[in-house]
N, C-alpha and C. Protein backbone atom coordinates (compact mmCIF):
# COMPACT_ATOMS: atom_id res chain seq x y z
N MET A 1 21.78 87.91 17.99
CA MET A 1 22.81 87.79 19.02
C MET A 1 22.71 86.42 19.68
N LYS A 2 23.84 85.80 19.80
CA LYS A 2 23.92 84.43 20.38
C LYS A 2 24.02 84.45 21.88
N TYR A 3 24.79 85.50 22.51
CA TYR A 3 25.01 85.49 23.93
C TYR A 3 24.45 86.68 24.59
N LEU A 4 24.59 87.83 24.05
CA LEU A 4 24.17 89.04 24.81
C LEU A 4 22.77 89.52 24.26
N LYS A 5 21.75 89.12 25.07
CA LYS A 5 20.35 89.37 24.67
C LYS A 5 19.67 90.35 25.67
N ASN A 6 18.71 91.12 25.19
CA ASN A 6 17.93 92.01 26.03
C ASN A 6 18.74 92.94 26.85
N ILE A 7 19.74 93.55 26.18
CA ILE A 7 20.59 94.54 26.86
C ILE A 7 20.07 95.97 26.64
N LYS A 8 19.88 96.70 27.78
CA LYS A 8 19.36 98.04 27.62
C LYS A 8 20.33 99.14 28.02
N THR A 9 21.27 98.75 28.87
CA THR A 9 22.22 99.81 29.43
C THR A 9 23.64 99.31 29.31
N LEU A 10 24.59 100.23 29.51
CA LEU A 10 26.02 99.86 29.44
C LEU A 10 26.33 98.94 30.64
N GLU A 11 25.72 99.21 31.82
CA GLU A 11 25.98 98.36 32.93
C GLU A 11 25.55 96.89 32.73
N GLU A 12 24.36 96.77 32.12
CA GLU A 12 23.86 95.42 31.86
C GLU A 12 24.80 94.70 30.85
N LEU A 13 25.28 95.49 29.84
CA LEU A 13 26.14 94.89 28.84
C LEU A 13 27.48 94.38 29.50
N LYS A 14 28.04 95.14 30.34
CA LYS A 14 29.23 94.78 31.04
C LYS A 14 29.08 93.61 31.92
N LYS A 15 27.97 93.54 32.64
CA LYS A 15 27.71 92.36 33.54
C LYS A 15 27.56 91.13 32.69
N GLU A 16 26.85 91.17 31.62
CA GLU A 16 26.59 90.01 30.76
C GLU A 16 27.88 89.61 30.11
N TYR A 17 28.66 90.60 29.67
CA TYR A 17 29.92 90.24 28.95
C TYR A 17 30.85 89.48 29.97
N ARG A 18 30.91 89.97 31.20
CA ARG A 18 31.77 89.40 32.18
C ARG A 18 31.31 87.91 32.45
N LYS A 19 29.99 87.75 32.56
CA LYS A 19 29.48 86.42 32.83
C LYS A 19 29.77 85.46 31.72
N TRP A 20 29.59 85.88 30.46
CA TRP A 20 29.91 85.01 29.31
C TRP A 20 31.36 84.82 29.14
N ALA A 21 32.20 85.86 29.34
CA ALA A 21 33.64 85.73 29.25
C ALA A 21 34.14 84.71 30.21
N MET A 22 33.60 84.63 31.44
CA MET A 22 34.04 83.66 32.38
C MET A 22 33.79 82.22 31.88
N LYS A 23 32.83 82.04 31.05
CA LYS A 23 32.51 80.72 30.52
C LYS A 23 33.23 80.43 29.17
N LEU A 24 33.40 81.42 28.37
CA LEU A 24 33.88 81.24 26.94
C LEU A 24 35.33 81.49 26.69
N HIS A 25 36.01 82.23 27.64
CA HIS A 25 37.40 82.59 27.44
C HIS A 25 38.24 81.30 27.34
N PRO A 26 39.20 81.30 26.42
CA PRO A 26 40.04 80.07 26.25
C PRO A 26 40.79 79.64 27.55
N ASP A 27 41.19 80.64 28.35
CA ASP A 27 41.89 80.38 29.59
C ASP A 27 40.95 79.73 30.63
N MET A 28 39.63 79.87 30.38
CA MET A 28 38.65 79.30 31.30
C MET A 28 37.97 78.04 30.77
N GLY A 29 38.57 77.49 29.68
CA GLY A 29 38.06 76.29 29.11
C GLY A 29 37.09 76.44 27.88
N GLY A 30 36.92 77.69 27.47
CA GLY A 30 36.14 77.97 26.29
C GLY A 30 36.96 77.93 25.03
N SER A 31 36.33 78.33 23.92
CA SER A 31 37.03 78.34 22.63
C SER A 31 37.29 79.72 22.11
N THR A 32 38.34 79.84 21.33
CA THR A 32 38.67 81.17 20.75
C THR A 32 37.53 81.64 19.84
N GLU A 33 36.92 80.72 19.09
CA GLU A 33 35.86 81.14 18.19
C GLU A 33 34.69 81.71 18.93
N ASP A 34 34.23 81.04 20.02
CA ASP A 34 33.13 81.56 20.76
C ASP A 34 33.46 82.88 21.41
N MET A 35 34.68 83.10 21.90
CA MET A 35 35.13 84.32 22.46
C MET A 35 35.09 85.47 21.47
N GLN A 36 35.50 85.15 20.25
CA GLN A 36 35.47 86.14 19.20
C GLN A 36 34.02 86.56 18.80
N ILE A 37 33.10 85.59 18.86
CA ILE A 37 31.69 85.92 18.67
C ILE A 37 31.17 86.82 19.76
N LEU A 38 31.53 86.46 21.00
CA LEU A 38 31.12 87.30 22.15
C LEU A 38 31.71 88.71 22.02
N ASN A 39 32.97 88.87 21.66
CA ASN A 39 33.60 90.19 21.52
C ASN A 39 32.86 90.99 20.41
N GLY A 40 32.55 90.35 19.30
CA GLY A 40 31.85 91.03 18.28
C GLY A 40 30.46 91.49 18.69
N GLU A 41 29.76 90.69 19.44
CA GLU A 41 28.44 91.10 19.94
C GLU A 41 28.66 92.25 20.94
N TYR A 42 29.61 92.21 21.76
CA TYR A 42 29.83 93.30 22.75
C TYR A 42 30.14 94.58 21.97
N GLU A 43 30.97 94.57 20.99
CA GLU A 43 31.30 95.78 20.25
C GLU A 43 30.08 96.34 19.55
N ALA A 44 29.24 95.47 18.94
CA ALA A 44 28.02 95.96 18.29
C ALA A 44 26.99 96.61 19.24
N LEU A 45 26.85 95.95 20.34
CA LEU A 45 25.86 96.46 21.35
C LEU A 45 26.46 97.74 22.03
N PHE A 46 27.73 97.74 22.25
CA PHE A 46 28.34 98.89 22.85
C PHE A 46 28.01 100.21 22.15
N ALA A 47 28.06 100.17 20.85
CA ALA A 47 27.74 101.40 20.09
C ALA A 47 26.36 101.87 20.32
N ARG A 48 25.39 100.94 20.62
CA ARG A 48 24.07 101.29 20.76
C ARG A 48 23.73 101.75 22.23
N VAL A 49 24.38 101.18 23.25
CA VAL A 49 24.05 101.47 24.64
C VAL A 49 25.09 102.27 25.43
N LYS A 50 26.19 102.67 24.73
CA LYS A 50 27.29 103.29 25.49
C LYS A 50 26.96 104.52 26.31
N ASP A 51 25.92 105.26 25.94
CA ASP A 51 25.55 106.44 26.68
C ASP A 51 24.28 106.26 27.60
N ILE A 52 23.80 105.00 27.65
CA ILE A 52 22.65 104.71 28.45
C ILE A 52 23.08 103.95 29.71
N HIS A 53 22.75 104.54 30.87
CA HIS A 53 23.24 104.04 32.17
C HIS A 53 22.06 103.72 33.10
N THR A 54 22.31 103.09 34.15
CA THR A 54 21.32 102.87 35.31
C THR A 54 21.92 103.36 36.58
N ASN A 55 21.10 104.14 37.28
CA ASN A 55 21.63 104.59 38.62
C ASN A 55 21.24 103.61 39.66
N LYS A 56 21.59 103.85 40.95
CA LYS A 56 21.34 102.87 42.01
C LYS A 56 19.87 102.68 42.31
N GLU A 57 19.04 103.59 41.91
CA GLU A 57 17.61 103.40 42.06
C GLU A 57 16.99 102.57 40.89
N GLY A 58 17.83 102.21 39.95
CA GLY A 58 17.35 101.42 38.81
C GLY A 58 16.83 102.24 37.68
N GLN A 59 16.95 103.51 37.75
CA GLN A 59 16.44 104.43 36.68
C GLN A 59 17.45 104.58 35.61
N GLU A 60 17.01 104.56 34.37
CA GLU A 60 17.92 104.81 33.26
C GLU A 60 18.16 106.29 33.07
N TYR A 61 19.35 106.60 32.61
CA TYR A 61 19.68 108.00 32.24
C TYR A 61 20.74 107.99 31.18
N ARG A 62 20.95 109.07 30.51
CA ARG A 62 21.92 109.18 29.44
C ARG A 62 23.05 110.09 29.83
N LYS A 63 24.26 109.59 29.59
CA LYS A 63 25.42 110.39 29.86
C LYS A 63 26.48 109.89 28.85
N ALA A 64 27.17 110.80 28.19
CA ALA A 64 28.13 110.50 27.15
C ALA A 64 29.33 109.91 27.82
N THR A 65 30.00 108.96 27.17
CA THR A 65 31.24 108.27 27.64
C THR A 65 32.21 108.28 26.50
N ASP A 66 33.48 108.45 26.92
CA ASP A 66 34.63 108.34 25.86
C ASP A 66 35.13 106.97 25.86
N GLU A 67 34.66 106.04 26.66
CA GLU A 67 35.11 104.67 26.70
C GLU A 67 34.94 103.99 25.33
N ALA A 68 35.90 103.24 24.91
CA ALA A 68 35.77 102.40 23.71
C ALA A 68 35.47 100.97 24.09
N PRO A 69 34.74 100.21 23.26
CA PRO A 69 34.37 98.83 23.61
C PRO A 69 35.63 97.95 23.92
N GLN A 70 36.71 98.19 23.21
CA GLN A 70 37.89 97.41 23.39
C GLN A 70 38.54 97.62 24.76
N ASP A 71 38.28 98.75 25.44
CA ASP A 71 38.85 99.00 26.75
C ASP A 71 38.38 97.93 27.80
N PHE A 72 37.08 97.77 27.85
CA PHE A 72 36.54 96.78 28.78
C PHE A 72 36.91 95.37 28.42
N ILE A 73 36.87 95.02 27.08
CA ILE A 73 37.23 93.73 26.63
C ILE A 73 38.68 93.40 27.03
N LYS A 74 39.56 94.38 26.85
CA LYS A 74 40.97 94.12 27.17
C LYS A 74 41.14 93.87 28.69
N ILE A 75 40.48 94.69 29.50
CA ILE A 75 40.63 94.59 31.02
C ILE A 75 40.12 93.19 31.42
N ILE A 76 38.95 92.87 30.99
CA ILE A 76 38.35 91.48 31.38
C ILE A 76 39.24 90.37 30.97
N ASN A 77 39.71 90.39 29.70
CA ASN A 77 40.54 89.38 29.13
C ASN A 77 41.86 89.25 29.94
N GLU A 78 42.44 90.37 30.27
CA GLU A 78 43.61 90.33 31.15
C GLU A 78 43.38 89.87 32.58
N LEU A 79 42.21 90.21 33.14
CA LEU A 79 41.87 89.79 34.52
C LEU A 79 41.66 88.25 34.55
N LEU A 80 41.09 87.72 33.46
CA LEU A 80 40.77 86.31 33.40
C LEU A 80 41.98 85.44 33.33
N LYS A 81 43.15 86.04 33.02
CA LYS A 81 44.42 85.29 33.00
C LYS A 81 45.05 85.25 34.35
N LEU A 82 44.56 86.06 35.30
CA LEU A 82 45.20 86.06 36.61
C LEU A 82 44.43 84.97 37.49
N GLY A 83 45.17 84.28 38.30
CA GLY A 83 44.61 83.21 39.14
C GLY A 83 44.26 83.75 40.49
N GLY A 84 43.23 83.16 41.10
CA GLY A 84 42.87 83.40 42.47
C GLY A 84 42.17 84.76 42.75
N ILE A 85 41.65 85.35 41.68
CA ILE A 85 40.92 86.66 41.90
C ILE A 85 39.44 86.46 41.62
N HIS A 86 38.64 87.39 42.13
CA HIS A 86 37.19 87.38 41.89
C HIS A 86 36.84 88.74 41.28
N ILE A 87 36.11 88.63 40.14
CA ILE A 87 35.74 89.83 39.32
C ILE A 87 34.26 90.08 39.48
N GLU A 88 33.88 91.31 39.79
CA GLU A 88 32.50 91.74 39.89
C GLU A 88 32.22 92.97 39.13
N VAL A 89 31.12 93.11 38.43
CA VAL A 89 30.69 94.33 37.82
C VAL A 89 29.43 94.69 38.58
N ILE A 90 29.55 95.84 39.30
CA ILE A 90 28.47 96.29 40.16
C ILE A 90 28.18 97.74 39.76
N GLY A 91 27.05 98.01 39.27
CA GLY A 91 26.75 99.34 38.69
C GLY A 91 27.73 99.66 37.59
N CYS A 92 28.35 100.79 37.70
CA CYS A 92 29.33 101.16 36.62
C CYS A 92 30.81 100.89 37.12
N PHE A 93 30.90 100.22 38.24
CA PHE A 93 32.28 99.91 38.72
C PHE A 93 32.67 98.47 38.50
N LEU A 94 33.97 98.22 38.40
CA LEU A 94 34.52 96.90 38.26
C LEU A 94 35.30 96.67 39.55
N TRP A 95 34.99 95.55 40.26
CA TRP A 95 35.72 95.30 41.53
C TRP A 95 36.50 93.97 41.43
N VAL A 96 37.71 93.95 41.97
CA VAL A 96 38.49 92.74 41.87
C VAL A 96 38.99 92.47 43.36
N SER A 97 38.76 91.29 43.75
CA SER A 97 39.15 90.88 45.15
C SER A 97 39.77 89.48 45.11
N GLY A 98 39.99 88.93 46.25
CA GLY A 98 40.62 87.62 46.32
C GLY A 98 42.10 87.71 46.55
N ASP A 99 42.91 86.85 46.04
CA ASP A 99 44.38 86.80 46.20
C ASP A 99 44.95 87.75 45.15
N THR A 100 44.85 89.01 45.42
CA THR A 100 45.32 90.03 44.42
C THR A 100 46.79 90.49 44.65
N LYS A 101 47.38 90.20 45.79
CA LYS A 101 48.67 90.67 46.07
C LYS A 101 49.72 90.29 45.04
N PRO A 102 49.79 89.02 44.50
CA PRO A 102 50.75 88.70 43.48
C PRO A 102 50.52 89.42 42.11
N HIS A 103 49.32 90.03 41.99
CA HIS A 103 49.00 90.66 40.74
C HIS A 103 48.91 92.18 40.85
N LYS A 104 49.45 92.72 41.88
CA LYS A 104 49.35 94.18 42.23
C LYS A 104 49.84 95.01 41.04
N ASP A 105 51.03 94.73 40.50
CA ASP A 105 51.53 95.50 39.41
C ASP A 105 50.66 95.42 38.18
N LYS A 106 50.14 94.32 37.84
CA LYS A 106 49.23 94.11 36.66
C LYS A 106 47.94 94.87 36.85
N LEU A 107 47.41 94.78 38.05
CA LEU A 107 46.13 95.53 38.32
C LEU A 107 46.33 97.03 38.16
N LYS A 108 47.44 97.50 38.69
CA LYS A 108 47.76 98.97 38.54
C LYS A 108 47.86 99.34 37.04
N ALA A 109 48.60 98.47 36.35
CA ALA A 109 48.80 98.73 34.92
C ALA A 109 47.53 98.81 34.13
N LEU A 110 46.51 97.99 34.57
CA LEU A 110 45.18 98.03 33.95
C LEU A 110 44.32 99.22 34.37
N GLY A 111 44.88 100.00 35.28
CA GLY A 111 44.11 101.22 35.67
C GLY A 111 43.29 101.01 36.98
N LEU A 112 43.34 99.90 37.61
CA LEU A 112 42.59 99.70 38.78
C LEU A 112 43.32 100.38 40.00
N LYS A 113 42.45 100.77 40.97
CA LYS A 113 43.01 101.43 42.17
C LYS A 113 42.66 100.56 43.41
N TRP A 114 43.46 100.65 44.43
CA TRP A 114 43.22 99.87 45.69
C TRP A 114 42.31 100.69 46.60
N HIS A 115 41.29 100.03 47.10
CA HIS A 115 40.34 100.66 48.05
C HIS A 115 40.68 100.09 49.40
N ASN A 116 41.33 100.86 50.22
CA ASN A 116 41.88 100.51 51.53
C ASN A 116 40.74 99.95 52.40
N LYS A 117 39.62 100.61 52.52
CA LYS A 117 38.57 100.25 53.44
C LYS A 117 37.88 99.00 53.00
N LYS A 118 37.72 98.77 51.72
CA LYS A 118 37.04 97.57 51.19
C LYS A 118 38.09 96.44 50.90
N SER A 119 39.30 96.69 51.01
CA SER A 119 40.35 95.73 50.75
C SER A 119 40.22 95.01 49.44
N CYS A 120 39.96 95.76 48.38
CA CYS A 120 39.87 95.23 47.09
C CYS A 120 40.24 96.34 46.05
N TRP A 121 40.35 95.93 44.82
CA TRP A 121 40.73 96.86 43.72
C TRP A 121 39.45 97.29 43.03
N PHE A 122 39.44 98.40 42.40
CA PHE A 122 38.26 98.89 41.72
C PHE A 122 38.70 99.73 40.49
N LEU A 123 37.76 99.79 39.53
CA LEU A 123 37.88 100.63 38.37
C LEU A 123 36.57 101.40 38.24
N SER A 124 36.68 102.71 38.36
CA SER A 124 35.48 103.54 38.25
C SER A 124 35.49 104.24 36.87
N PRO A 125 34.30 104.69 36.45
CA PRO A 125 34.22 105.41 35.14
C PRO A 125 35.11 106.65 35.19
N GLU A 126 35.65 106.94 33.97
CA GLU A 126 36.50 108.16 33.86
C GLU A 126 35.71 109.40 34.26
N GLY A 127 36.32 110.17 35.16
CA GLY A 127 35.64 111.48 35.55
C GLY A 127 34.65 111.26 36.71
N TYR A 128 34.57 110.02 37.22
CA TYR A 128 33.68 109.76 38.36
C TYR A 128 34.07 110.55 39.59
N ARG A 129 33.14 111.26 40.18
CA ARG A 129 33.33 111.96 41.42
C ARG A 129 32.37 111.52 42.41
N ARG A 130 32.87 111.11 43.55
CA ARG A 130 32.00 110.56 44.58
C ARG A 130 31.16 111.72 45.20
N GLN A 131 29.97 111.40 45.57
CA GLN A 131 29.05 112.40 46.18
C GLN A 131 28.78 111.98 47.59
N GLY A 132 29.06 112.88 48.54
CA GLY A 132 28.80 112.54 49.96
C GLY A 132 29.96 111.88 50.65
N ASN A 133 29.80 111.74 51.91
CA ASN A 133 30.88 111.15 52.70
C ASN A 133 30.54 109.77 53.25
N GLN A 134 29.42 109.29 52.94
CA GLN A 134 28.89 107.95 53.42
C GLN A 134 29.75 106.83 52.95
N GLU A 135 30.19 105.89 53.83
CA GLU A 135 30.89 104.69 53.44
C GLU A 135 29.91 103.55 53.40
N TYR A 136 29.97 102.78 52.32
CA TYR A 136 29.11 101.62 52.14
C TYR A 136 29.95 100.39 52.05
N SER A 137 29.44 99.33 52.66
CA SER A 137 30.17 97.98 52.64
C SER A 137 29.89 97.42 51.27
N MET A 138 30.72 96.45 50.89
CA MET A 138 30.57 95.76 49.62
C MET A 138 29.18 94.99 49.54
N ASP A 139 28.77 94.42 50.66
CA ASP A 139 27.48 93.72 50.77
C ASP A 139 26.34 94.69 50.47
N TYR A 140 26.42 95.92 51.09
CA TYR A 140 25.43 96.94 50.90
C TYR A 140 25.37 97.38 49.42
N ILE A 141 26.51 97.59 48.81
CA ILE A 141 26.62 98.01 47.38
C ILE A 141 26.06 96.86 46.51
N ARG A 142 26.31 95.64 46.80
CA ARG A 142 25.79 94.47 46.07
C ARG A 142 24.29 94.47 46.16
N ASP A 143 23.75 94.62 47.40
CA ASP A 143 22.33 94.66 47.55
C ASP A 143 21.65 95.87 46.83
N LEU A 144 22.33 97.01 46.89
CA LEU A 144 21.77 98.23 46.32
C LEU A 144 21.62 98.00 44.83
N TYR A 145 22.55 97.39 44.14
CA TYR A 145 22.48 97.20 42.74
C TYR A 145 21.82 95.90 42.28
N GLY A 146 21.30 95.12 43.24
CA GLY A 146 20.59 93.92 42.93
C GLY A 146 21.47 92.77 42.42
N VAL A 147 22.65 92.60 42.98
CA VAL A 147 23.48 91.54 42.62
C VAL A 147 22.87 90.22 43.05
N GLN A 148 22.84 89.23 42.18
CA GLN A 148 22.24 87.95 42.50
C GLN A 148 23.37 86.91 42.62
N TYR A 149 23.13 85.92 43.51
CA TYR A 149 24.13 84.90 43.72
C TYR A 149 23.75 83.55 43.15
N ASP A 150 24.70 82.72 42.95
CA ASP A 150 24.51 81.43 42.37
C ASP A 150 23.45 80.66 43.24
N GLU A 151 22.45 80.03 42.50
CA GLU A 151 21.41 79.32 43.25
C GLU A 151 21.89 78.08 43.97
N GLU A 152 23.02 77.51 43.52
CA GLU A 152 23.41 76.19 44.05
C GLU A 152 24.16 76.31 45.37
N THR A 153 24.67 77.52 45.65
CA THR A 153 25.40 77.67 46.89
C THR A 153 24.99 78.92 47.65
N SER A 154 25.35 79.03 48.85
CA SER A 154 24.87 80.15 49.70
C SER A 154 25.60 81.45 49.34
N ARG A 155 25.04 82.56 49.83
CA ARG A 155 25.61 83.84 49.57
C ARG A 155 27.05 83.98 50.08
N GLU A 156 27.37 83.33 51.22
CA GLU A 156 28.71 83.32 51.77
C GLU A 156 29.68 82.59 50.87
N GLU A 157 29.28 81.47 50.35
CA GLU A 157 30.12 80.64 49.52
C GLU A 157 30.36 81.34 48.21
N THR A 158 29.38 82.17 47.76
CA THR A 158 29.56 82.79 46.46
C THR A 158 29.78 84.33 46.63
N ARG A 159 30.33 84.69 47.72
CA ARG A 159 30.39 86.06 48.06
C ARG A 159 30.95 87.00 46.97
N TYR A 160 31.91 86.54 46.17
CA TYR A 160 32.51 87.30 45.12
C TYR A 160 32.13 86.89 43.70
N ARG A 161 31.31 85.88 43.60
CA ARG A 161 30.92 85.41 42.27
C ARG A 161 29.59 85.97 41.92
N VAL A 162 29.56 86.88 40.97
CA VAL A 162 28.35 87.56 40.57
C VAL A 162 27.76 86.80 39.34
N LEU A 163 26.57 86.33 39.43
CA LEU A 163 25.99 85.58 38.39
C LEU A 163 24.62 86.30 38.09
N LYS A 164 24.57 87.48 37.64
CA LYS A 164 23.37 88.25 37.41
C LYS A 164 22.61 87.58 36.22
N GLY A 165 21.43 87.17 36.57
CA GLY A 165 20.54 86.59 35.47
C GLY A 165 20.87 85.22 35.17
N ALA A 166 21.78 84.55 35.84
CA ALA A 166 22.17 83.17 35.41
C ALA A 166 21.32 82.19 36.13
């Protein structure tokens, strides 16, 4: 594997794919060839880790998923074409914030839903059911799942840029 290394769970795979896609996607200054290599690695690893997940305590568990590797690849590739947005993979959720209003119809078409209290879009796993009535802030959720920020800038400056392991 050239890009996706030491992947143990589906959540890790998605975070790493997003990180590399931000660097390698042709719309972000990368090359088509490198993006194809990344997509191939994602699909190969997806088959191995698709049923292995991590909960908020960091414990691994197994749960079957009907998701296909192309589903996430398609969503990330489409999101990277939109300007002014911030993409995060936190746990098993995909969050999109920033200047999303001009992209409302596209985000809906991709299956994302608007979260009124967090003022951002999200994509949850199919069949996900929330447990409990507790509301968590985005910062709390980021801290809970161990999101790391870019070393060169402060947390506030990189509020929506997730660079896990970078």
